[in-house]
C-alpha atoms as a PDB file:
ATOM      1  CA  UNK A   1      91.402  89.748 106.787  1.00  0.00           C
ATOM      2  CA  UNK A   2      90.503  93.314 105.972  1.00  0.00           C
ATOM      3  CA  UNK A   3      90.721  94.783 102.469  1.00  0.00           C
ATOM      4  CA  UNK A   4      89.889  98.461 101.839  1.00  0.00           C
ATOM      5  CA  UNK A   5      88.368  98.460 105.306  1.00  0.00           C
ATOM      6  CA  UNK A   6      85.831  95.771 104.393  1.00  0.00           C
ATOM      7  CA  UNK A   7      85.898  92.210 105.632  1.00  0.00           C
ATOM      8  CA  UNK A   8      87.196  90.045 102.805  1.00  0.00           C
ATOM      9  CA  UNK A   9      85.552  86.835 101.617  1.00  0.00           C
ATOM     10  CA  UNK A  10      87.385  83.665 102.526  1.00  0.00           C
ATOM     11  CA  UNK A  11      89.682  82.285  99.826  1.00  0.00           C
ATOM     12  CA  UNK A  12      88.330  78.765 100.329  1.00  0.00           C
ATOM     13  CA  UNK A  13      85.173  79.694  98.425  1.00  0.00           C
ATOM     14  CA  UNK A  14      83.161  80.412 101.553  1.00  0.00           C
ATOM     15  CA  UNK A  15      80.695  83.258 100.955  1.00  0.00           C
ATOM     16  CA  UNK A  16      80.572  84.274 104.604  1.00  0.00           C
ATOM     17  CA  UNK A  17      82.548  86.662 106.716  1.00  0.00           C
ATOM     18  CA  UNK A  18      84.918  85.402 109.389  1.00  0.00           C
ATOM     19  CA  UNK A  19      83.615  85.782 112.951  1.00  0.00           C
ATOM     20  CA  UNK A  20      86.732  87.720 113.942  1.00  0.00           C
ATOM     21  CA  UNK A  21      86.033  90.324 111.245  1.00  0.00           C
ATOM     22  CA  UNK A  22      82.456  90.784 112.472  1.00  0.00           C
ATOM     23  CA  UNK A  23      83.663  91.425 116.027  1.00  0.00           C
ATOM     24  CA  UNK A  24      86.285  93.927 114.836  1.00  0.00           C
ATOM     25  CA  UNK A  25      83.723  95.757 112.701  1.00  0.00           C
ATOM     26  CA  UNK A  26      81.250  95.843 115.588  1.00  0.00           C
ATOM     27  CA  UNK A  27      83.848  97.528 117.791  1.00  0.00           C
ATOM     28  CA  UNK A  28      84.834 100.066 115.122  1.00  0.00           C
ATOM     29  CA  UNK A  29      81.513 100.882 113.439  1.00  0.00           C
ATOM     30  CA  UNK A  30      78.445  99.963 115.452  1.00  0.00           C
ATOM     31  CA  UNK A  31      78.869  98.517 118.939  1.00  0.00           C
ATOM     32  CA  UNK A  32      75.117  97.958 119.377  1.00  0.00           C
ATOM     33  CA  UNK A  33      74.506  96.311 115.990  1.00  0.00           C
ATOM     34  CA  UNK A  34      73.465  92.679 115.893  1.00  0.00           C
ATOM     35  CA  UNK A  35      75.569  90.099 114.090  1.00  0.00           C
ATOM     36  CA  UNK A  36      72.887  89.849 111.397  1.00  0.00           C
ATOM     37  CA  UNK A  37      72.838  93.607 110.809  1.00  0.00           C
ATOM     38  CA  UNK A  38      76.628  93.672 110.508  1.00  0.00           C
ATOM     39  CA  UNK A  39      76.664  90.761 108.059  1.00  0.00           C
ATOM     40  CA  UNK A  40      74.077  92.481 105.844  1.00  0.00           C
ATOM     41  CA  UNK A  41      76.072  95.726 106.046  1.00  0.00           C
ATOM     42  CA  UNK A  42      79.337  94.019 105.082  1.00  0.00           C
ATOM     43  CA  UNK A  43      77.726  92.126 102.195  1.00  0.00           C
ATOM     44  CA  UNK A  44      76.111  95.372 100.978  1.00  0.00           C
ATOM     45  CA  UNK A  45      79.480  97.159 101.104  1.00  0.00           C
ATOM     46  CA  UNK A  46      81.246  94.345  99.237  1.00  0.00           C
ATOM     47  CA  UNK A  47      78.525  94.105  96.570  1.00  0.00           C
ATOM     48  CA  UNK A  48      78.603  97.862  95.906  1.00  0.00           C
ATOM     49  CA  UNK A  49      82.349  98.392  96.475  1.00  0.00           C
ATOM     50  CA  UNK A  50      81.710 100.863  99.314  1.00  0.00           C
ATOM     51  CA  UNK A  51      84.256 101.594 102.034  1.00  0.00           C
ATOM     52  CA  UNK A  52      82.672 102.609 105.359  1.00  0.00           C
ATOM     53  CA  UNK A  53      86.067 103.766 106.657  1.00  0.00           C
ATOM     54  CA  UNK A  54      86.320 106.272 103.792  1.00  0.00           C
ATOM     55  CA  UNK A  55      82.832 107.628 104.557  1.00  0.00           C
ATOM     56  CA  UNK A  56      81.105 105.949 101.592  1.00  0.00           C
ATOM     57  CA  UNK A  57      78.408 104.295 103.694  1.00  0.00           C
ATOM     58  CA  UNK A  58      77.224 104.369 107.305  1.00  0.00           C
ATOM     59  CA  UNK A  59      75.391 102.048 109.682  1.00  0.00           C
ATOM     60  CA  UNK A  60      73.134 104.461 111.585  1.00  0.00           C
ATOM     61  CA  UNK A  61      71.447 103.386 114.844  1.00  0.00           C
ATOM     62  CA  UNK A  62      67.908 104.413 115.718  1.00  0.00           C
ATOM     63  CA  UNK A  63      65.513 103.389 118.464  1.00  0.00           C
ATOM     64  CA  UNK A  64      62.477 101.556 117.204  1.00  0.00           C
ATOM     65  CA  UNK A  65      60.894 100.826 120.579  1.00  0.00           C
ATOM     66  CA  UNK A  66      61.931 101.422 124.143  1.00  0.00           C
ATOM     67  CA  UNK A  67      65.191  99.559 124.631  1.00  0.00           C
ATOM     68  CA  UNK A  68      65.281  98.203 121.066  1.00  0.00           C
ATOM     69  CA  UNK A  69      67.896  99.594 118.665  1.00  0.00           C
ATOM     70  CA  UNK A  70      67.885  98.909 114.931  1.00  0.00           C
ATOM     71  CA  UNK A  71      70.393 100.076 112.323  1.00  0.00           C
ATOM     72  CA  UNK A  72      69.896 101.515 108.844  1.00  0.00           C
ATOM     73  CA  UNK A  73      72.382 101.501 105.967  1.00  0.00           C
ATOM     74  CA  UNK A  74      72.872 105.033 104.655  1.00  0.00           C
ATOM     75  CA  UNK A  75      74.971 105.844 101.574  1.00  0.00           C
ATOM     76  CA  UNK A  76      76.850 109.145 101.586  1.00  0.00           C
ATOM     77  CA  UNK A  77      75.858 111.812  99.078  1.00  0.00           C
ATOM     78  CA  UNK A  78      79.558 112.159  98.232  1.00  0.00           C
ATOM     79  CA  UNK A  79      80.056 108.568  97.107  1.00  0.00           C
ATOM     80  CA  UNK A  80      80.970 108.069  93.451  1.00  0.00           C
ATOM     81  CA  UNK A  81      78.841 105.514  91.637  1.00  0.00           C
END
């Protein structure tokens, strides 16, 4: 399920994100991001009520070493806190 562009927590009390949501987010936001990076990003967005599809927050890739890509969470300067 997607709510405000963010993967929604399961109703059954599960704190995780459904695997299908992670795959959809990977395709839309960061194709090279690991599953762990995407889960942290989604949890960060939910905790802070940020919507990456509205430009509140970004998952920015950068190369750490040759062939190794990491991602950083960057909050927009235009987001209202």
